[in-house]
């Protein structure tokens, strides 16, 4: 499905961007669970921000 492929590609690109953003914070994670916790917080915040933007566009 072409639409699903585009959605998957977008999610993958966003994940790469998130990883770069985390690296740019100059934090060093000695434990994987610390990295995952920070990544999840940032990911959730970006999804909320995206949802707000979409709602504003529909108005």
PDB file of N, CA and C in Angstrom:
ATOM      1  N   UNK A   1       0.856  -1.183   0.000  1.00  0.00           N
ATOM      2  CA  UNK A   1       0.000   0.000   0.000  1.00  0.00           C
ATOM      3  C   UNK A   1       0.898   1.242   0.000  1.00  0.00           C
ATOM      4  N   UNK A   2       0.708   2.091  -0.978  1.00  0.00           N
ATOM      5  CA  UNK A   2       1.564   3.261  -1.173  1.00  0.00           C
ATOM      6  C   UNK A   2       1.467   4.234   0.003  1.00  0.00           C
ATOM      7  N   UNK A   3       0.253   4.472   0.492  1.00  0.00           N
ATOM      8  CA  UNK A   3       0.059   5.396   1.608  1.00  0.00           C
ATOM      9  C   UNK A   3       0.743   4.884   2.868  1.00  0.00           C
ATOM     10  N   UNK A   4       0.609   3.604   3.124  1.00  0.00           N
ATOM     11  CA  UNK A   4       1.237   3.004   4.310  1.00  0.00           C
ATOM     12  C   UNK A   4       2.760   3.082   4.206  1.00  0.00           C
ATOM     13  N   UNK A   5       3.298   2.879   3.002  1.00  0.00           N
ATOM     14  CA  UNK A   5       4.748   2.988   2.802  1.00  0.00           C
ATOM     15  C   UNK A   5       5.225   4.402   3.097  1.00  0.00           C
ATOM     16  N   UNK A   6       4.485   5.401   2.631  1.00  0.00           N
ATOM     17  CA  UNK A   6       4.855   6.796   2.893  1.00  0.00           C
ATOM     18  C   UNK A   6       4.812   7.101   4.385  1.00  0.00           C
ATOM     19  N   UNK A   7       3.792   6.578   5.058  1.00  0.00           N
ATOM     20  CA  UNK A   7       3.666   6.795   6.507  1.00  0.00           C
ATOM     21  C   UNK A   7       4.851   6.154   7.227  1.00  0.00           C
ATOM     22  N   UNK A   8       5.189   4.932   6.855  1.00  0.00           N
ATOM     23  CA  UNK A   8       6.320   4.235   7.470  1.00  0.00           C
ATOM     24  C   UNK A   8       7.615   4.996   7.222  1.00  0.00           C
ATOM     25  N   UNK A   9       7.804   5.469   5.998  1.00  0.00           N
ATOM     26  CA  UNK A   9       9.007   6.236   5.666  1.00  0.00           C
ATOM     27  C   UNK A   9       9.084   7.498   6.520  1.00  0.00           C
ATOM     28  N   UNK A  10       7.950   8.174   6.688  1.00  0.00           N
ATOM     29  CA  UNK A  10       7.915   9.382   7.507  1.00  0.00           C
ATOM     30  C   UNK A  10       8.278   9.101   8.953  1.00  0.00           C
ATOM     31  N   UNK A  11       7.772   8.001   9.484  1.00  0.00           N
ATOM     32  CA  UNK A  11       8.074   7.626  10.868  1.00  0.00           C
ATOM     33  C   UNK A  11       9.561   7.318  11.014  1.00  0.00           C
ATOM     34  N   UNK A  12      10.124   6.616  10.033  1.00  0.00           N
ATOM     35  CA  UNK A  12      11.550   6.280  10.097  1.00  0.00           C
ATOM     36  C   UNK A  12      12.414   7.539  10.032  1.00  0.00           C
ATOM     37  N   UNK A  13      12.050   8.468   9.149  1.00  0.00           N
ATOM     38  CA  UNK A  13      12.820   9.707   9.042  1.00  0.00           C
ATOM     39  C   UNK A  13      12.715  10.519  10.323  1.00  0.00           C
ATOM     40  N   UNK A  14      11.520  10.547  10.917  1.00  0.00           N
ATOM     41  CA  UNK A  14      11.326  11.284  12.157  1.00  0.00           C
ATOM     42  C   UNK A  14      12.149  10.658  13.282  1.00  0.00           C
ATOM     43  N   UNK A  15      12.198   9.333  13.321  1.00  0.00           N
ATOM     44  CA  UNK A  15      12.989   8.659  14.348  1.00  0.00           C
ATOM     45  C   UNK A  15      14.466   8.999  14.210  1.00  0.00           C
ATOM     46  N   UNK A  16      14.954   9.042  12.965  1.00  0.00           N
ATOM     47  CA  UNK A  16      16.352   9.415  12.740  1.00  0.00           C
ATOM     48  C   UNK A  16      16.601  10.842  13.212  1.00  0.00           C
ATOM     49  N   UNK A  17      15.654  11.729  12.924  1.00  0.00           N
ATOM     50  CA  UNK A  17      15.789  13.128  13.346  1.00  0.00           C
ATOM     51  C   UNK A  17      15.812  13.209  14.870  1.00  0.00           C
ATOM     52  N   UNK A  18      14.934  12.429  15.519  1.00  0.00           N
ATOM     53  CA  UNK A  18      14.903  12.404  16.987  1.00  0.00           C
ATOM     54  C   UNK A  18      16.238  11.942  17.553  1.00  0.00           C
ATOM     55  N   UNK A  19      16.810  10.906  16.953  1.00  0.00           N
ATOM     56  CA  UNK A  19      18.093  10.401  17.435  1.00  0.00           C
ATOM     57  C   UNK A  19      19.179  11.462  17.303  1.00  0.00           C
ATOM     58  N   UNK A  20      19.191  12.163  16.183  1.00  0.00           N
ATOM     59  CA  UNK A  20      20.179  13.225  15.992  1.00  0.00           C
ATOM     60  C   UNK A  20      19.975  14.325  17.019  1.00  0.00           C
ATOM     61  N   UNK A  21      18.726  14.653  17.282  1.00  0.00           N
ATOM     62  CA  UNK A  21      18.422  15.710  18.249  1.00  0.00           C
ATOM     63  C   UNK A  21      18.911  15.315  19.640  1.00  0.00           C
ATOM     64  N   UNK A  22      18.703  14.059  20.008  1.00  0.00           N
ATOM     65  CA  UNK A  22      19.168  13.581  21.311  1.00  0.00           C
ATOM     66  C   UNK A  22      20.688  13.652  21.368  1.00  0.00           C
ATOM     67  N   UNK A  23      21.349  13.259  20.282  1.00  0.00           N
ATOM     68  CA  UNK A  23      22.815  13.319  20.256  1.00  0.00           C
ATOM     69  C   UNK A  23      23.299  14.754  20.381  1.00  0.00           C
ATOM     70  N   UNK A  24      22.569  15.687  19.782  1.00  0.00           N
ATOM     71  CA  UNK A  24      22.984  17.083  19.821  1.00  0.00           C
ATOM     72  C   UNK A  24      22.864  17.688  21.214  1.00  0.00           C
ATOM     73  N   UNK A  25      22.138  17.047  22.092  1.00  0.00           N
ATOM     74  CA  UNK A  25      22.029  17.552  23.459  1.00  0.00           C
ATOM     75  C   UNK A  25      23.308  17.284  24.247  1.00  0.00           C
ATOM     76  N   UNK A  26      24.252  16.617  23.631  1.00  0.00           N
ATOM     77  CA  UNK A  26      25.564  16.311  24.228  1.00  0.00           C
ATOM     78  C   UNK A  26      25.432  15.511  25.531  1.00  0.00           C
ATOM     79  N   UNK A  27      24.430  14.696  25.574  1.00  0.00           N
ATOM     80  CA  UNK A  27      24.281  13.819  26.733  1.00  0.00           C
ATOM     81  C   UNK A  27      24.870  12.470  26.380  1.00  0.00           C
ATOM     82  N   UNK A  28      25.532  11.885  27.322  1.00  0.00           N
ATOM     83  CA  UNK A  28      26.060  10.543  27.112  1.00  0.00           C
ATOM     84  C   UNK A  28      25.265   9.590  27.982  1.00  0.00           C
ATOM     85  N   UNK A  29      24.732   8.588  27.349  1.00  0.00           N
ATOM     86  CA  UNK A  29      23.922   7.613  28.060  1.00  0.00           C
ATOM     87  C   UNK A  29      24.758   6.362  28.300  1.00  0.00           C
ATOM     88  N   UNK A  30      24.936   6.037  29.554  1.00  0.00           N
ATOM     89  CA  UNK A  30      25.696   4.831  29.868  1.00  0.00           C
ATOM     90  C   UNK A  30      24.782   3.613  29.904  1.00  0.00           C
ATOM     91  N   UNK A  31      23.478   3.879  30.019  1.00  0.00           N
ATOM     92  CA  UNK A  31      22.519   2.770  30.065  1.00  0.00           C
ATOM     93  C   UNK A  31      21.478   2.961  28.983  1.00  0.00           C
ATOM     94  N   UNK A  32      21.099   1.869  28.350  1.00  0.00           N
ATOM     95  CA  UNK A  32      20.128   1.928  27.267  1.00  0.00           C
ATOM     96  C   UNK A  32      18.773   2.415  27.763  1.00  0.00           C
ATOM     97  N   UNK A  33      18.364   2.024  28.964  1.00  0.00           N
ATOM     98  CA  UNK A  33      17.049   2.436  29.453  1.00  0.00           C
ATOM     99  C   UNK A  33      16.978   3.946  29.683  1.00  0.00           C
ATOM    100  N   UNK A  34      18.096   4.588  30.029  1.00  0.00           N
ATOM    101  CA  UNK A  34      18.105   6.052  30.141  1.00  0.00           C
ATOM    102  C   UNK A  34      17.852   6.689  28.778  1.00  0.00           C
ATOM    103  N   UNK A  35      18.516   6.152  27.769  1.00  0.00           N
ATOM    104  CA  UNK A  35      18.324   6.655  26.414  1.00  0.00           C
ATOM    105  C   UNK A  35      16.870   6.483  25.976  1.00  0.00           C
ATOM    106  N   UNK A  36      16.317   5.301  26.225  1.00  0.00           N
ATOM    107  CA  UNK A  36      14.940   5.015  25.814  1.00  0.00           C
ATOM    108  C   UNK A  36      13.967   5.950  26.521  1.00  0.00           C
ATOM    109  N   UNK A  37      14.179   6.203  27.801  1.00  0.00           N
ATOM    110  CA  UNK A  37      13.292   7.089  28.562  1.00  0.00           C
ATOM    111  C   UNK A  37      13.295   8.500  27.967  1.00  0.00           C
ATOM    112  N   UNK A  38      14.479   9.031  27.689  1.00  0.00           N
ATOM    113  CA  UNK A  38      14.585  10.374  27.108  1.00  0.00           C
ATOM    114  C   UNK A  38      13.974  10.391  25.711  1.00  0.00           C
ATOM    115  N   UNK A  39      14.241   9.345  24.933  1.00  0.00           N
ATOM    116  CA  UNK A  39      13.700   9.273  23.572  1.00  0.00           C
ATOM    117  C   UNK A  39      12.172   9.264  23.605  1.00  0.00           C
ATOM    118  N   UNK A  40      11.585   8.473  24.501  1.00  0.00           N
ATOM    119  CA  UNK A  40      10.129   8.390  24.580  1.00  0.00           C
ATOM    120  C   UNK A  40       9.514   9.731  24.961  1.00  0.00           C
ATOM    121  N   UNK A  41      10.120  10.439  25.900  1.00  0.00           N
ATOM    122  CA  UNK A  41       9.600  11.755  26.294  1.00  0.00           C
ATOM    123  C   UNK A  41       9.611  12.716  25.114  1.00  0.00           C
ATOM    124  N   UNK A  42      10.730  12.744  24.396  1.00  0.00           N
ATOM    125  CA  UNK A  42      10.839  13.649  23.255  1.00  0.00           C
ATOM    126  C   UNK A  42       9.874  13.248  22.149  1.00  0.00           C
ATOM    127  N   UNK A  43       9.739  11.953  21.917  1.00  0.00           N
ATOM    128  CA  UNK A  43       8.855  11.458  20.865  1.00  0.00           C
ATOM    129  C   UNK A  43       7.402  11.820  21.174  1.00  0.00           C
ATOM    130  N   UNK A  44       6.983  11.611  22.410  1.00  0.00           N
ATOM    131  CA  UNK A  44       5.614  11.947  22.809  1.00  0.00           C
ATOM    132  C   UNK A  44       5.361  13.442  22.677  1.00  0.00           C
ATOM    133  N   UNK A  45       6.328  14.255  23.067  1.00  0.00           N
ATOM    134  CA  UNK A  45       6.173  15.706  22.958  1.00  0.00           C
ATOM    135  C   UNK A  45       6.044  16.128  21.500  1.00  0.00           C
ATOM    136  N   UNK A  46       6.834  15.529  20.631  1.00  0.00           N
ATOM    137  CA  UNK A  46       6.755  15.872  19.210  1.00  0.00           C
ATOM    138  C   UNK A  46       5.432  15.427  18.604  1.00  0.00           C
ATOM    139  N   UNK A  47       4.930  14.263  19.023  1.00  0.00           N
ATOM    140  CA  UNK A  47       3.639  13.811  18.513  1.00  0.00           C
ATOM    141  C   UNK A  47       2.515  14.742  18.964  1.00  0.00           C
ATOM    142  N   UNK A  48       2.570  15.200  20.213  1.00  0.00           N
ATOM    143  CA  UNK A  48       1.563  16.149  20.695  1.00  0.00           C
ATOM    144  C   UNK A  48       1.639  17.456  19.915  1.00  0.00           C
ATOM    145  N   UNK A  49       2.854  17.916  19.669  1.00  0.00           N
ATOM    146  CA  UNK A  49       3.051  19.147  18.910  1.00  0.00           C
ATOM    147  C   UNK A  49       2.510  18.981  17.491  1.00  0.00           C
ATOM    148  N   UNK A  50       2.767  17.832  16.883  1.00  0.00           N
ATOM    149  CA  UNK A  50       2.267  17.557  15.536  1.00  0.00           C
ATOM    150  C   UNK A  50       0.738  17.517  15.537  1.00  0.00           C
ATOM    151  N   UNK A  51       0.152  16.875  16.549  1.00  0.00           N
ATOM    152  CA  UNK A  51      -1.302  16.810  16.649  1.00  0.00           C
ATOM    153  C   UNK A  51      -1.925  18.187  16.792  1.00  0.00           C
ATOM    154  N   UNK A  52      -1.301  19.052  17.583  1.00  0.00           N
ATOM    155  CA  UNK A  52      -1.790  20.420  17.738  1.00  0.00           C
ATOM    156  C   UNK A  52      -1.732  21.167  16.411  1.00  0.00           C
ATOM    157  N   UNK A  53      -0.650  20.977  15.677  1.00  0.00           N
ATOM    158  CA  UNK A  53      -0.492  21.640  14.383  1.00  0.00           C
ATOM    159  C   UNK A  53      -1.565  21.171  13.416  1.00  0.00           C
ATOM    160  N   UNK A  54      -1.824  19.874  13.397  1.00  0.00           N
ATOM    161  CA  UNK A  54      -2.844  19.331  12.499  1.00  0.00           C
ATOM    162  C   UNK A  54      -4.227  19.869  12.860  1.00  0.00           C
ATOM    163  N   UNK A  55      -4.527  19.967  14.153  1.00  0.00           N
ATOM    164  CA  UNK A  55      -5.825  20.496  14.567  1.00  0.00           C
ATOM    165  C   UNK A  55      -5.987  21.945  14.129  1.00  0.00           C
ATOM    166  N   UNK A  56      -4.921  22.726  14.249  1.00  0.00           N
ATOM    167  CA  UNK A  56      -4.973  24.134  13.841  1.00  0.00           C
ATOM    168  C   UNK A  56      -5.174  24.259  12.336  1.00  0.00           C
ATOM    169  N   UNK A  57      -4.582  23.363  11.573  1.00  0.00           N
ATOM    170  CA  UNK A  57      -4.718  23.407  10.110  1.00  0.00           C
ATOM    171  C   UNK A  57      -6.135  23.094   9.672  1.00  0.00           C
ATOM    172  N   UNK A  58      -6.825  22.220  10.411  1.00  0.00           N
ATOM    173  CA  UNK A  58      -8.173  21.801  10.028  1.00  0.00           C
ATOM    174  C   UNK A  58      -9.218  22.868  10.322  1.00  0.00           C
ATOM    175  N   UNK A  59      -8.896  23.807  11.210  1.00  0.00           N
ATOM    176  CA  UNK A  59      -9.868  24.842  11.585  1.00  0.00           C
ATOM    177  C   UNK A  59     -10.070  25.837  10.482  1.00  0.00           C
TER     178      UNK A  59
END
